[in-house]
PDB file of N, CA and C in Angstrom:
ATOM      1  N   MET A   1      -5.647   5.319 -15.148  1.00  0.00           N
ATOM      2  CA  MET A   1      -5.748   3.899 -15.393  1.00  0.00           C
ATOM      3  C   MET A   1      -4.323   3.357 -15.588  1.00  0.00           C
ATOM      4  N   ASN A   2      -4.068   2.184 -15.051  1.00  0.00           N
ATOM      5  CA  ASN A   2      -2.720   1.636 -15.177  1.00  0.00           C
ATOM      6  C   ASN A   2      -2.470   1.186 -16.616  1.00  0.00           C
ATOM      7  N   LYS A   3      -1.229   1.312 -17.058  1.00  0.00           N
ATOM      8  CA  LYS A   3      -0.850   1.081 -18.461  1.00  0.00           C
ATOM      9  C   LYS A   3      -1.148  -0.341 -18.916  1.00  0.00           C
ATOM     10  N   THR A   4      -0.959  -1.332 -18.069  1.00  0.00           N
ATOM     11  CA  THR A   4      -1.221  -2.724 -18.446  1.00  0.00           C
ATOM     12  C   THR A   4      -2.702  -2.928 -18.715  1.00  0.00           C
ATOM     13  N   LEU A   5      -3.536  -2.425 -17.835  1.00  0.00           N
ATOM     14  CA  LEU A   5      -4.980  -2.544 -18.007  1.00  0.00           C
ATOM     15  C   LEU A   5      -5.434  -1.802 -19.260  1.00  0.00           C
ATOM     16  N   GLU A   6      -4.907  -0.613 -19.465  1.00  0.00           N
ATOM     17  CA  GLU A   6      -5.259   0.174 -20.655  1.00  0.00           C
ATOM     18  C   GLU A   6      -4.862  -0.579 -21.932  1.00  0.00           C
ATOM     19  N   SER A   7      -3.705  -1.206 -21.910  1.00  0.00           N
ATOM     20  CA  SER A   7      -3.233  -1.977 -23.059  1.00  0.00           C
ATOM     21  C   SER A   7      -4.136  -3.182 -23.327  1.00  0.00           C
ATOM     22  N   GLU A   8      -4.548  -3.870 -22.268  1.00  0.00           N
ATOM     23  CA  GLU A   8      -5.439  -5.030 -22.410  1.00  0.00           C
ATOM     24  C   GLU A   8      -6.804  -4.616 -22.962  1.00  0.00           C
ATOM     25  N   ILE A   9      -7.325  -3.498 -22.491  1.00  0.00           N
ATOM     26  CA  ILE A   9      -8.616  -2.993 -22.979  1.00  0.00           C
ATOM     27  C   ILE A   9      -8.511  -2.619 -24.451  1.00  0.00           C
ATOM     28  N   THR A  10      -7.415  -1.974 -24.816  1.00  0.00           N
ATOM     29  CA  THR A  10      -7.206  -1.592 -26.212  1.00  0.00           C
ATOM     30  C   THR A  10      -7.100  -2.827 -27.096  1.00  0.00           C
ATOM     31  N   GLN A  11      -6.442  -3.871 -26.612  1.00  0.00           N
ATOM     32  CA  GLN A  11      -6.327  -5.122 -27.368  1.00  0.00           C
ATOM     33  C   GLN A  11      -7.701  -5.759 -27.565  1.00  0.00           C
ATOM     34  N   LEU A  12      -8.523  -5.795 -26.524  1.00  0.00           N
ATOM     35  CA  LEU A  12      -9.881  -6.345 -26.645  1.00  0.00           C
ATOM     36  C   LEU A  12     -10.711  -5.537 -27.639  1.00  0.00           C
ATOM     37  N   HIS A  13     -10.559  -4.226 -27.593  1.00  0.00           N
ATOM     38  CA  HIS A  13     -11.262  -3.347 -28.527  1.00  0.00           C
ATOM     39  C   HIS A  13     -10.855  -3.691 -29.961  1.00  0.00           C
ATOM     40  N   ALA A  14      -9.562  -3.857 -30.183  1.00  0.00           N
ATOM     41  CA  ALA A  14      -9.053  -4.191 -31.517  1.00  0.00           C
ATOM     42  C   ALA A  14      -9.586  -5.547 -31.988  1.00  0.00           C
ATOM     43  N   GLU A  15      -9.722  -6.494 -31.080  1.00  0.00           N
ATOM     44  CA  GLU A  15     -10.249  -7.811 -31.452  1.00  0.00           C
ATOM     45  C   GLU A  15     -11.703  -7.724 -31.885  1.00  0.00           C
ATOM     46  N   ILE A  16     -12.480  -6.883 -31.211  1.00  0.00           N
ATOM     47  CA  ILE A  16     -13.879  -6.692 -31.628  1.00  0.00           C
ATOM     48  C   ILE A  16     -13.923  -6.048 -33.004  1.00  0.00           C
ATOM     49  N   CYS A  17     -13.092  -5.032 -33.205  1.00  0.00           N
ATOM     50  CA  CYS A  17     -13.048  -4.378 -34.517  1.00  0.00           C
ATOM     51  C   CYS A  17     -12.619  -5.360 -35.600  1.00  0.00           C
ATOM     52  N   ALA A  18     -11.664  -6.220 -35.305  1.00  0.00           N
ATOM     53  CA  ALA A  18     -11.225  -7.228 -36.271  1.00  0.00           C
ATOM     54  C   ALA A  18     -12.365  -8.191 -36.601  1.00  0.00           C
ATOM     55  N   GLY A  19     -13.209  -8.468 -35.623  1.00  0.00           N
ATOM     56  CA  GLY A  19     -14.362  -9.326 -35.870  1.00  0.00           C
ATOM     57  C   GLY A  19     -15.360  -8.695 -36.828  1.00  0.00           C
ATOM     58  N   LEU A  20     -15.372  -7.391 -36.876  1.00  0.00           N
ATOM     59  CA  LEU A  20     -16.288  -6.662 -37.760  1.00  0.00           C
ATOM     60  C   LEU A  20     -15.649  -6.330 -39.108  1.00  0.00           C
ATOM     61  N   ALA A  21     -14.406  -6.721 -39.295  1.00  0.00           N
ATOM     62  CA  ALA A  21     -13.635  -6.284 -40.455  1.00  0.00           C
ATOM     63  C   ALA A  21     -13.849  -7.120 -41.712  1.00  0.00           C
ATOM     64  N   ASP A  22     -14.798  -8.022 -41.710  1.00  0.00           N
ATOM     65  CA  ASP A  22     -15.043  -8.852 -42.885  1.00  0.00           C
ATOM     66  C   ASP A  22     -16.500  -8.693 -43.321  1.00  0.00           C
ATOM     67  N   PRO A  23     -16.742  -8.442 -44.604  1.00  0.00           N
ATOM     68  CA  PRO A  23     -18.121  -8.246 -45.084  1.00  0.00           C
ATOM     69  C   PRO A  23     -19.025  -9.444 -44.810  1.00  0.00           C
ATOM     70  N   ASN A  24     -18.485 -10.651 -44.890  1.00  0.00           N
ATOM     71  CA  ASN A  24     -19.304 -11.842 -44.624  1.00  0.00           C
ATOM     72  C   ASN A  24     -19.752 -11.890 -43.168  1.00  0.00           C
ATOM     73  N   ARG A  25     -18.866 -11.520 -42.252  1.00  0.00           N
ATOM     74  CA  ARG A  25     -19.247 -11.527 -40.838  1.00  0.00           C
ATOM     75  C   ARG A  25     -20.292 -10.447 -40.562  1.00  0.00           C
ATOM     76  N   ILE A  26     -20.173  -9.316 -41.233  1.00  0.00           N
ATOM     77  CA  ILE A  26     -21.180  -8.264 -41.068  1.00  0.00           C
ATOM     78  C   ILE A  26     -22.540  -8.769 -41.546  1.00  0.00           C
ATOM     79  N   MET A  27     -22.564  -9.431 -42.685  1.00  0.00           N
ATOM     80  CA  MET A  27     -23.837  -9.969 -43.198  1.00  0.00           C
ATOM     81  C   MET A  27     -24.403 -11.024 -42.244  1.00  0.00           C
ATOM     82  N   ILE A  28     -23.542 -11.845 -41.669  1.00  0.00           N
ATOM     83  CA  ILE A  28     -24.000 -12.855 -40.708  1.00  0.00           C
ATOM     84  C   ILE A  28     -24.608 -12.173 -39.488  1.00  0.00           C
ATOM     85  N   LEU A  29     -23.962 -11.135 -38.985  1.00  0.00           N
ATOM     86  CA  LEU A  29     -24.495 -10.427 -37.819  1.00  0.00           C
ATOM     87  C   LEU A  29     -25.860  -9.809 -38.121  1.00  0.00           C
ATOM     88  N   TYR A  30     -26.004  -9.175 -39.284  1.00  0.00           N
ATOM     89  CA  TYR A  30     -27.309  -8.605 -39.647  1.00  0.00           C
ATOM     90  C   TYR A  30     -28.367  -9.698 -39.781  1.00  0.00           C
ATOM     91  N   THR A  31     -27.986 -10.841 -40.293  1.00  0.00           N
ATOM     92  CA  THR A  31     -28.921 -11.963 -40.415  1.00  0.00           C
ATOM     93  C   THR A  31     -29.368 -12.442 -39.043  1.00  0.00           C
ATOM     94  N   LEU A  32     -28.423 -12.587 -38.126  1.00  0.00           N
ATOM     95  CA  LEU A  32     -28.759 -13.048 -36.784  1.00  0.00           C
ATOM     96  C   LEU A  32     -29.536 -11.994 -35.995  1.00  0.00           C
ATOM     97  N   ALA A  33     -29.425 -10.737 -36.377  1.00  0.00           N
ATOM     98  CA  ALA A  33     -30.201  -9.688 -35.707  1.00  0.00           C
ATOM     99  C   ALA A  33     -31.693  -9.862 -35.977  1.00  0.00           C
ATOM    100  N   GLN A  34     -32.034 -10.488 -37.108  1.00  0.00           N
ATOM    101  CA  GLN A  34     -33.434 -10.730 -37.446  1.00  0.00           C
ATOM    102  C   GLN A  34     -34.009 -11.837 -36.575  1.00  0.00           C
ATOM    103  N   SER A  35     -33.243 -12.920 -36.393  1.00  0.00           N
ATOM    104  CA  SER A  35     -33.664 -14.032 -35.537  1.00  0.00           C
ATOM    105  C   SER A  35     -32.527 -15.043 -35.439  1.00  0.00           C
ATOM    106  N   PRO A  36     -32.517 -15.829 -34.359  1.00  0.00           N
ATOM    107  CA  PRO A  36     -31.504 -16.886 -34.231  1.00  0.00           C
ATOM    108  C   PRO A  36     -31.630 -17.884 -35.384  1.00  0.00           C
ATOM    109  N   ARG A  37     -30.484 -18.441 -35.796  1.00  0.00           N
ATOM    110  CA  ARG A  37     -30.481 -19.382 -36.918  1.00  0.00           C
ATOM    111  C   ARG A  37     -29.383 -20.416 -36.725  1.00  0.00           C
ATOM    112  N   ASN A  38     -29.558 -21.549 -37.392  1.00  0.00           N
ATOM    113  CA  ASN A  38     -28.481 -22.537 -37.428  1.00  0.00           C
ATOM    114  C   ASN A  38     -27.632 -22.286 -38.673  1.00  0.00           C
ATOM    115  N   VAL A  39     -26.537 -23.027 -38.785  1.00  0.00           N
ATOM    116  CA  VAL A  39     -25.595 -22.793 -39.888  1.00  0.00           C
ATOM    117  C   VAL A  39     -26.273 -22.967 -41.239  1.00  0.00           C
ATOM    118  N   THR A  40     -27.068 -23.997 -41.386  1.00  0.00           N
ATOM    119  CA  THR A  40     -27.731 -24.259 -42.671  1.00  0.00           C
ATOM    120  C   THR A  40     -28.640 -23.104 -43.061  1.00  0.00           C
ATOM    121  N   GLU A  41     -29.374 -22.575 -42.111  1.00  0.00           N
ATOM    122  CA  GLU A  41     -30.265 -21.448 -42.402  1.00  0.00           C
ATOM    123  C   GLU A  41     -29.468 -20.210 -42.818  1.00  0.00           C
ATOM    124  N   ILE A  42     -28.353 -19.968 -42.149  1.00  0.00           N
ATOM    125  CA  ILE A  42     -27.505 -18.826 -42.511  1.00  0.00           C
ATOM    126  C   ILE A  42     -26.948 -19.026 -43.920  1.00  0.00           C
ATOM    127  N   CYS A  43     -26.464 -20.235 -44.189  1.00  0.00           N
ATOM    128  CA  CYS A  43     -25.921 -20.546 -45.522  1.00  0.00           C
ATOM    129  C   CYS A  43     -26.961 -20.299 -46.603  1.00  0.00           C
ATOM    130  N   ASN A  44     -28.164 -20.785 -46.386  1.00  0.00           N
ATOM    131  CA  ASN A  44     -29.227 -20.636 -47.374  1.00  0.00           C
ATOM    132  C   ASN A  44     -29.604 -19.174 -47.575  1.00  0.00           C
ATOM    133  N   GLU A  45     -29.724 -18.443 -46.494  1.00  0.00           N
ATOM    134  CA  GLU A  45     -30.134 -17.044 -46.607  1.00  0.00           C
ATOM    135  C   GLU A  45     -29.070 -16.199 -47.306  1.00  0.00           C
ATOM    136  N   LEU A  46     -27.803 -16.446 -46.983  1.00  0.00           N
ATOM    137  CA  LEU A  46     -26.728 -15.630 -47.531  1.00  0.00           C
ATOM    138  C   LEU A  46     -26.084 -16.235 -48.778  1.00  0.00           C
ATOM    139  N   GLU A  47     -26.543 -17.424 -49.151  1.00  0.00           N
ATOM    140  CA  GLU A  47     -25.993 -18.134 -50.315  1.00  0.00           C
ATOM    141  C   GLU A  47     -24.474 -18.238 -50.221  1.00  0.00           C
ATOM    142  N   MET A  48     -24.035 -18.748 -49.073  1.00  0.00           N
ATOM    143  CA  MET A  48     -22.610 -18.939 -48.810  1.00  0.00           C
ATOM    144  C   MET A  48     -22.375 -20.405 -48.461  1.00  0.00           C
ATOM    145  N   PRO A  49     -21.193 -20.928 -48.794  1.00  0.00           N
ATOM    146  CA  PRO A  49     -20.892 -22.324 -48.448  1.00  0.00           C
ATOM    147  C   PRO A  49     -20.797 -22.519 -46.933  1.00  0.00           C
ATOM    148  N   GLN A  50     -21.141 -23.716 -46.495  1.00  0.00           N
ATOM    149  CA  GLN A  50     -21.161 -24.045 -45.069  1.00  0.00           C
ATOM    150  C   GLN A  50     -19.790 -23.858 -44.421  1.00  0.00           C
ATOM    151  N   SER A  51     -18.745 -24.231 -45.108  1.00  0.00           N
ATOM    152  CA  SER A  51     -17.406 -24.115 -44.522  1.00  0.00           C
ATOM    153  C   SER A  51     -17.054 -22.651 -44.245  1.00  0.00           C
ATOM    154  N   LEU A  52     -17.441 -21.766 -45.152  1.00  0.00           N
ATOM    155  CA  LEU A  52     -17.170 -20.341 -44.979  1.00  0.00           C
ATOM    156  C   LEU A  52     -17.975 -19.765 -43.817  1.00  0.00           C
ATOM    157  N   VAL A  53     -19.254 -20.096 -43.764  1.00  0.00           N
ATOM    158  CA  VAL A  53     -20.111 -19.604 -42.682  1.00  0.00           C
ATOM    159  C   VAL A  53     -19.598 -20.113 -41.336  1.00  0.00           C
ATOM    160  N   SER A  54     -19.249 -21.380 -41.264  1.00  0.00           N
ATOM    161  CA  SER A  54     -18.753 -21.955 -40.014  1.00  0.00           C
ATOM    162  C   SER A  54     -17.470 -21.266 -39.553  1.00  0.00           C
ATOM    163  N   ARG A  55     -16.585 -20.990 -40.487  1.00  0.00           N
ATOM    164  CA  ARG A  55     -15.326 -20.315 -40.148  1.00  0.00           C
ATOM    165  C   ARG A  55     -15.598 -18.917 -39.582  1.00  0.00           C
ATOM    166  N   HIS A  56     -16.521 -18.190 -40.200  1.00  0.00           N
ATOM    167  CA  HIS A  56     -16.839 -16.846 -39.715  1.00  0.00           C
ATOM    168  C   HIS A  56     -17.580 -16.886 -38.375  1.00  0.00           C
ATOM    169  N   LEU A  57     -18.455 -17.856 -38.203  1.00  0.00           N
ATOM    170  CA  LEU A  57     -19.150 -17.989 -36.921  1.00  0.00           C
ATOM    171  C   LEU A  57     -18.170 -18.284 -35.795  1.00  0.00           C
ATOM    172  N   LYS A  58     -17.138 -19.048 -36.081  1.00  0.00           N
ATOM    173  CA  LYS A  58     -16.103 -19.342 -35.083  1.00  0.00           C
ATOM    174  C   LYS A  58     -15.437 -18.053 -34.630  1.00  0.00           C
ATOM    175  N   VAL A  59     -15.092 -17.188 -35.576  1.00  0.00           N
ATOM    176  CA  VAL A  59     -14.464 -15.903 -35.247  1.00  0.00           C
ATOM    177  C   VAL A  59     -15.418 -15.063 -34.400  1.00  0.00           C
ATOM    178  N   LEU A  60     -16.671 -14.986 -34.809  1.00  0.00           N
ATOM    179  CA  LEU A  60     -17.658 -14.192 -34.073  1.00  0.00           C
ATOM    180  C   LEU A  60     -17.890 -14.753 -32.676  1.00  0.00           C
ATOM    181  N   ARG A  61     -17.910 -16.065 -32.548  1.00  0.00           N
ATOM    182  CA  ARG A  61     -18.100 -16.712 -31.251  1.00  0.00           C
ATOM    183  C   ARG A  61     -16.903 -16.439 -30.330  1.00  0.00           C
ATOM    184  N   GLU A  62     -15.693 -16.537 -30.878  1.00  0.00           N
ATOM    185  CA  GLU A  62     -14.484 -16.293 -30.084  1.00  0.00           C
ATOM    186  C   GLU A  62     -14.432 -14.868 -29.558  1.00  0.00           C
ATOM    187  N   ARG A  63     -15.022 -13.952 -30.276  1.00  0.00           N
ATOM    188  CA  ARG A  63     -15.019 -12.546 -29.862  1.00  0.00           C
ATOM    189  C   ARG A  63     -16.267 -12.165 -29.056  1.00  0.00           C
ATOM    190  N   GLY A  64     -17.110 -13.146 -28.762  1.00  0.00           N
ATOM    191  CA  GLY A  64     -18.284 -12.901 -27.937  1.00  0.00           C
ATOM    192  C   GLY A  64     -19.404 -12.167 -28.627  1.00  0.00           C
ATOM    193  N   MET A  65     -19.402 -12.172 -29.963  1.00  0.00           N
ATOM    194  CA  MET A  65     -20.434 -11.447 -30.709  1.00  0.00           C
ATOM    195  C   MET A  65     -21.667 -12.299 -30.970  1.00  0.00           C
ATOM    196  N   VAL A  66     -21.498 -13.607 -30.952  1.00  0.00           N
ATOM    197  CA  VAL A  66     -22.626 -14.518 -31.083  1.00  0.00           C
ATOM    198  C   VAL A  66     -22.543 -15.546 -29.964  1.00  0.00           C
ATOM    199  N   THR A  67     -23.695 -16.067 -29.604  1.00  0.00           N
ATOM    200  CA  THR A  67     -23.765 -17.145 -28.633  1.00  0.00           C
ATOM    201  C   THR A  67     -24.392 -18.351 -29.303  1.00  0.00           C
ATOM    202  N   THR A  68     -24.205 -19.509 -28.694  1.00  0.00           N
ATOM    203  CA  THR A  68     -24.760 -20.736 -29.260  1.00  0.00           C
ATOM    204  C   THR A  68     -25.630 -21.448 -28.236  1.00  0.00           C
ATOM    205  N   GLU A  69     -26.581 -22.192 -28.772  1.00  0.00           N
ATOM    206  CA  GLU A  69     -27.441 -23.034 -27.941  1.00  0.00           C
ATOM    207  C   GLU A  69     -27.716 -24.310 -28.727  1.00  0.00           C
ATOM    208  N   ARG A  70     -27.509 -25.433 -28.079  1.00  0.00           N
ATOM    209  CA  ARG A  70     -27.725 -26.722 -28.749  1.00  0.00           C
ATOM    210  C   ARG A  70     -29.182 -27.126 -28.604  1.00  0.00           C
ATOM    211  N   HIS A  71     -29.795 -27.483 -29.724  1.00  0.00           N
ATOM    212  CA  HIS A  71     -31.154 -28.032 -29.772  1.00  0.00           C
ATOM    213  C   HIS A  71     -31.043 -29.404 -30.413  1.00  0.00           C
ATOM    214  N   GLY A  72     -30.841 -30.425 -29.598  1.00  0.00           N
ATOM    215  CA  GLY A  72     -30.618 -31.770 -30.137  1.00  0.00           C
ATOM    216  C   GLY A  72     -29.286 -31.817 -30.853  1.00  0.00           C
ATOM    217  N   THR A  73     -29.318 -32.114 -32.141  1.00  0.00           N
ATOM    218  CA  THR A  73     -28.078 -32.174 -32.925  1.00  0.00           C
ATOM    219  C   THR A  73     -27.756 -30.855 -33.618  1.00  0.00           C
ATOM    220  N   VAL A  74     -28.637 -29.864 -33.474  1.00  0.00           N
ATOM    221  CA  VAL A  74     -28.487 -28.589 -34.181  1.00  0.00           C
ATOM    222  C   VAL A  74     -27.983 -27.517 -33.215  1.00  0.00           C
ATOM    223  N   ILE A  75     -27.029 -26.721 -33.676  1.00  0.00           N
ATOM    224  CA  ILE A  75     -26.543 -25.585 -32.899  1.00  0.00           C
ATOM    225  C   ILE A  75     -27.153 -24.322 -33.488  1.00  0.00           C
ATOM    226  N   VAL A  76     -27.810 -23.558 -32.633  1.00  0.00           N
ATOM    227  CA  VAL A  76     -28.465 -22.321 -33.049  1.00  0.00           C
ATOM    228  C   VAL A  76     -27.616 -21.147 -32.579  1.00  0.00           C
ATOM    229  N   TYR A  77     -27.366 -20.216 -33.493  1.00  0.00           N
ATOM    230  CA  TYR A  77     -26.556 -19.027 -33.213  1.00  0.00           C
ATOM    231  C   TYR A  77     -27.470 -17.832 -32.989  1.00  0.00           C
ATOM    232  N   THR A  78     -27.095 -17.019 -32.017  1.00  0.00           N
ATOM    233  CA  THR A  78     -27.859 -15.829 -31.657  1.00  0.00           C
ATOM    234  C   THR A  78     -26.909 -14.651 -31.538  1.00  0.00           C
ATOM    235  N   LEU A  79     -27.362 -13.493 -31.944  1.00  0.00           N
ATOM    236  CA  LEU A  79     -26.596 -12.266 -31.751  1.00  0.00           C
ATOM    237  C   LEU A  79     -26.448 -12.035 -30.251  1.00  0.00           C
ATOM    238  N   ALA A  80     -25.227 -11.836 -29.785  1.00  0.00           N
ATOM    239  CA  ALA A  80     -24.972 -11.706 -28.351  1.00  0.00           C
ATOM    240  C   ALA A  80     -25.443 -10.372 -27.783  1.00  0.00           C
ATOM    241  N   ASP A  81     -25.398  -9.324 -28.592  1.00  0.00           N
ATOM    242  CA  ASP A  81     -25.734  -7.996 -28.088  1.00  0.00           C
ATOM    243  C   ASP A  81     -26.233  -7.142 -29.255  1.00  0.00           C
ATOM    244  N   GLN A  82     -27.449  -6.649 -29.137  1.00  0.00           N
ATOM    245  CA  GLN A  82     -28.063  -5.847 -30.195  1.00  0.00           C
ATOM    246  C   GLN A  82     -27.280  -4.572 -30.477  1.00  0.00           C
ATOM    247  N   ARG A  83     -26.461  -4.134 -29.530  1.00  0.00           N
ATOM    248  CA  ARG A  83     -25.671  -2.914 -29.744  1.00  0.00           C
ATOM    249  C   ARG A  83     -24.651  -3.084 -30.862  1.00  0.00           C
ATOM    250  N   LEU A  84     -24.298  -4.336 -31.189  1.00  0.00           N
ATOM    251  CA  LEU A  84     -23.414  -4.565 -32.337  1.00  0.00           C
ATOM    252  C   LEU A  84     -24.055  -4.033 -33.612  1.00  0.00           C
ATOM    253  N   ILE A  85     -25.334  -4.260 -33.773  1.00  0.00           N
ATOM    254  CA  ILE A  85     -26.053  -3.778 -34.956  1.00  0.00           C
ATOM    255  C   ILE A  85     -26.140  -2.254 -34.923  1.00  0.00           C
ATOM    256  N   GLN A  86     -26.351  -1.694 -33.752  1.00  0.00           N
ATOM    257  CA  GLN A  86     -26.367  -0.237 -33.630  1.00  0.00           C
ATOM    258  C   GLN A  86     -25.012   0.341 -34.034  1.00  0.00           C
ATOM    259  N   ALA A  87     -23.928  -0.326 -33.615  1.00  0.00           N
ATOM    260  CA  ALA A  87     -22.579   0.134 -33.992  1.00  0.00           C
ATOM    261  C   ALA A  87     -22.373   0.019 -35.497  1.00  0.00           C
ATOM    262  N   LEU A  88     -22.813  -1.097 -36.085  1.00  0.00           N
ATOM    263  CA  LEU A  88     -22.687  -1.260 -37.540  1.00  0.00           C
ATOM    264  C   LEU A  88     -23.508  -0.208 -38.281  1.00  0.00           C
ATOM    265  N   ASP A  89     -24.702   0.064 -37.790  1.00  0.00           N
ATOM    266  CA  ASP A  89     -25.543   1.087 -38.419  1.00  0.00           C
ATOM    267  C   ASP A  89     -24.897   2.467 -38.318  1.00  0.00           C
ATOM    268  N   LEU A  90     -24.278   2.762 -37.183  1.00  0.00           N
ATOM    269  CA  LEU A  90     -23.585   4.034 -37.009  1.00  0.00           C
ATOM    270  C   LEU A  90     -22.422   4.137 -37.989  1.00  0.00           C
ATOM    271  N   LEU A  91     -21.672   3.063 -38.146  1.00  0.00           N
ATOM    272  CA  LEU A  91     -20.563   3.059 -39.110  1.00  0.00           C
ATOM    273  C   LEU A  91     -21.077   3.246 -40.535  1.00  0.00           C
ATOM    274  N   ARG A  92     -22.219   2.651 -40.853  1.00  0.00           N
ATOM    275  CA  ARG A  92     -22.804   2.841 -42.184  1.00  0.00           C
ATOM    276  C   ARG A  92     -23.214   4.292 -42.406  1.00  0.00           C
ATOM    277  N   ALA A  93     -23.704   4.937 -41.372  1.00  0.00           N
ATOM    278  CA  ALA A  93     -24.078   6.345 -41.491  1.00  0.00           C
ATOM    279  C   ALA A  93     -22.842   7.201 -41.758  1.00  0.00           C
ATOM    280  N   VAL A  94     -21.748   6.895 -41.073  1.00  0.00           N
ATOM    281  CA  VAL A  94     -20.487   7.616 -41.309  1.00  0.00           C
ATOM    282  C   VAL A  94     -20.028   7.381 -42.743  1.00  0.00           C
ATOM    283  N   MET A  95     -20.091   6.130 -43.187  1.00  0.00           N
ATOM    284  CA  MET A  95     -19.689   5.780 -44.553  1.00  0.00           C
ATOM    285  C   MET A  95     -20.546   6.534 -45.572  1.00  0.00           C
ATOM    286  N   HIS A  96     -21.848   6.586 -45.334  1.00  0.00           N
ATOM    287  CA  HIS A  96     -22.769   7.281 -46.234  1.00  0.00           C
ATOM    288  C   HIS A  96     -22.399   8.751 -46.354  1.00  0.00           C
ATOM    289  N   GLU A  97     -22.090   9.353 -45.217  1.00  0.00           N
ATOM    290  CA  GLU A  97     -21.708  10.768 -45.217  1.00  0.00           C
ATOM    291  C   GLU A  97     -20.409  10.989 -45.985  1.00  0.00           C
ATOM    292  N   ASN A  98     -19.445  10.107 -45.783  1.00  0.00           N
ATOM    293  CA  ASN A  98     -18.165  10.217 -46.496  1.00  0.00           C
ATOM    294  C   ASN A  98     -18.358  10.081 -48.002  1.00  0.00           C
ATOM    295  N   ILE A  99     -19.196   9.150 -48.422  1.00  0.00           N
ATOM    296  CA  ILE A  99     -19.461   8.963 -49.850  1.00  0.00           C
ATOM    297  C   ILE A  99     -20.149  10.197 -50.421  1.00  0.00           C
ATOM    298  N   ALA A 100     -21.090  10.753 -49.665  1.00  0.00           N
ATOM    299  CA  ALA A 100     -21.790  11.956 -50.123  1.00  0.00           C
ATOM    300  C   ALA A 100     -20.821  13.123 -50.289  1.00  0.00           C
ATOM    301  N   LYS A 101     -19.890  13.283 -49.358  1.00  0.00           N
ATOM    302  CA  LYS A 101     -18.907  14.370 -49.456  1.00  0.00           C
ATOM    303  C   LYS A 101     -18.001  14.164 -50.667  1.00  0.00           C
ATOM    304  N   ARG A 102     -17.598  12.935 -50.913  1.00  0.00           N
ATOM    305  CA  ARG A 102     -16.754  12.662 -52.076  1.00  0.00           C
ATOM    306  C   ARG A 102     -17.510  12.935 -53.372  1.00  0.00           C
ATOM    307  N   ALA A 103     -18.785  12.580 -53.401  1.00  0.00           N
ATOM    308  CA  ALA A 103     -19.592  12.844 -54.581  1.00  0.00           C
ATOM    309  C   ALA A 103     -19.711  14.343 -54.826  1.00  0.00           C
ATOM    310  N   GLU A 104     -19.858  15.123 -53.764  1.00  0.00           N
ATOM    311  CA  GLU A 104     -19.898  16.578 -53.899  1.00  0.00           C
ATOM    312  C   GLU A 104     -18.609  17.115 -54.503  1.00  0.00           C
ATOM    313  N   LEU A 105     -17.464  16.560 -54.049  1.00  0.00           N
ATOM    314  CA  LEU A 105     -16.181  16.995 -54.591  1.00  0.00           C
ATOM    315  C   LEU A 105     -16.061  16.654 -56.071  1.00  0.00           C
ATOM    316  N   VAL A 106     -16.479  15.466 -56.449  1.00  0.00           N
ATOM    317  CA  VAL A 106     -16.427  15.061 -57.863  1.00  0.00           C
ATOM    318  C   VAL A 106     -17.315  15.973 -58.688  1.00  0.00           C
ATOM    319  N   ASN A 107     -18.513  16.249 -58.199  1.00  0.00           N
ATOM    320  CA  ASN A 107     -19.426  17.136 -58.921  1.00  0.00           C
ATOM    321  C   ASN A 107     -18.858  18.539 -59.045  1.00  0.00           C
ATOM    322  N   ALA A 108     -18.168  19.010 -58.008  1.00  0.00           N
ATOM    323  CA  ALA A 108     -17.576  20.334 -58.046  1.00  0.00           C
ATOM    324  C   ALA A 108     -16.460  20.413 -59.054  1.00  0.00           C
ATOM    325  N   LEU A 109     -15.753  19.310 -59.289  1.00  0.00           N
ATOM    326  CA  LEU A 109     -14.650  19.277 -60.257  1.00  0.00           C
ATOM    327  C   LEU A 109     -15.146  19.102 -61.679  1.00  0.00           C
ATOM    328  N   SER A 110     -16.370  18.653 -61.831  1.00  0.00           N
ATOM    329  CA  SER A 110     -16.903  18.405 -63.182  1.00  0.00           C
ATOM    330  C   SER A 110     -17.365  19.668 -63.862  1.00  0.00           C
TER     331      SER A 110
END
């Protein structure tokens, strides 16, 4: 693969990872995995201010993780690809395993 293309792919990969790097955005993605929602519904479900939710949705939209559809005056957000949730679940499984190993070490030292 040519170096320029490889560099561009790596940059896109990093941008997706950066989109997942905030706990609020992760919660928004899990919420949208249940069903499409507008900003107000997301705010109410996650008990977050509208300005914060809107800012995070902008980041997710720019990275192609959510899509939008206008219904009159309301914009509805949808998870762009269910594999994002599969990736998040896989990362949680890795995290769970790491925590379990650390707990074993602490118990062994006690």
